[in-house]
Amino acid sequence: MRKWFNNLKISAKNAGFLAGAIGAAGIMSMTHMGSTYSFAYTNSVNGLKNMERISTSF
C-alpha cells in the first residue's frame, strides 16, 4: 500500500489532502451550525410564547 502511495504524483497527493481538509472543515461547520440553529430556535420559541400570552390577554 505504501508503494502505491509513493508512486502517486505530487498533485494527486495534494488533491487528496485538500479534499480531506475541506471535508473535515465541512463536518465541523455542520456541527457548529446545528448548535447555533438549536440556540436560535429556542430563543424564537420563547419570544412566540410571550407574544401569545400578550395577544390572549386582549
Protein backbone atom coordinates (compact mmCIF):
# COMPACT_ATOMS: atom_id res chain seq x y z
CA MET A 1 0.00 0.00 0.00
CA ARG A 2 2.82 2.40 0.80
CA LYS A 3 4.46 1.70 -2.54
CA TRP A 4 1.20 2.61 -4.30
CA PHE A 5 1.06 5.92 -2.39
CA ASN A 6 4.70 6.71 -3.13
CA ASN A 7 4.10 6.14 -6.86
CA LEU A 8 1.35 8.76 -6.97
CA LYS A 9 2.21 12.14 -8.43
CA ILE A 10 2.53 15.03 -6.02
CA SER A 11 -0.56 16.73 -7.46
CA ALA A 12 -2.67 13.66 -6.67
CA LYS A 13 -1.33 13.57 -3.12
CA ASN A 14 -2.07 17.27 -2.64
CA ALA A 15 -5.56 16.88 -4.10
CA GLY A 16 -6.30 14.06 -1.67
CA PHE A 17 -5.04 16.07 1.28
CA LEU A 18 -7.02 19.13 0.18
CA ALA A 19 -10.20 17.09 -0.23
CA GLY A 20 -9.76 15.64 3.26
CA ALA A 21 -9.18 19.07 4.78
CA ILE A 22 -12.25 20.52 3.07
CA GLY A 23 -14.35 17.57 4.21
CA ALA A 24 -13.19 17.93 7.81
CA ALA A 25 -13.90 21.67 7.76
CA GLY A 26 -17.37 20.99 6.36
CA ILE A 27 -18.19 18.47 9.07
CA MET A 28 -17.03 20.85 11.79
CA SER A 29 -19.11 23.65 10.27
CA MET A 30 -22.19 21.44 10.19
CA THR A 31 -21.74 20.61 13.87
CA HIS A 32 -21.44 24.28 14.75
CA MET A 33 -24.42 25.14 12.55
CA GLY A 34 -26.59 22.58 14.36
CA SER A 35 -25.82 24.02 17.77
CA THR A 36 -26.39 27.57 16.52
CA TYR A 37 -29.73 26.59 14.98
CA SER A 38 -30.84 24.97 18.22
CA PHE A 39 -29.98 28.13 20.18
CA ALA A 40 -31.82 30.38 17.69
CA TYR A 41 -34.90 28.12 17.68
CA THR A 42 -35.10 28.06 21.46
CA ASN A 43 -34.89 31.86 21.66
CA SER A 44 -37.53 32.41 18.97
CA VAL A 45 -39.95 29.98 20.64
CA ASN A 46 -39.63 31.89 23.91
CA GLY A 47 -40.49 35.12 22.08
CA LEU A 48 -43.53 33.49 20.47
CA LYS A 49 -44.75 32.27 23.85
CA ASN A 50 -44.62 35.83 25.17
CA MET A 51 -46.45 37.17 22.10
CA GLU A 52 -49.17 34.55 22.53
CA ARG A 53 -49.58 35.44 26.18
CA ILE A 54 -49.92 39.14 25.32
CA SER A 55 -52.37 38.57 22.47
CA THR A 56 -54.68 36.34 24.54
CA SER A 57 -54.93 38.91 27.33
CA PHE A 58 -56.68 41.41 25.00
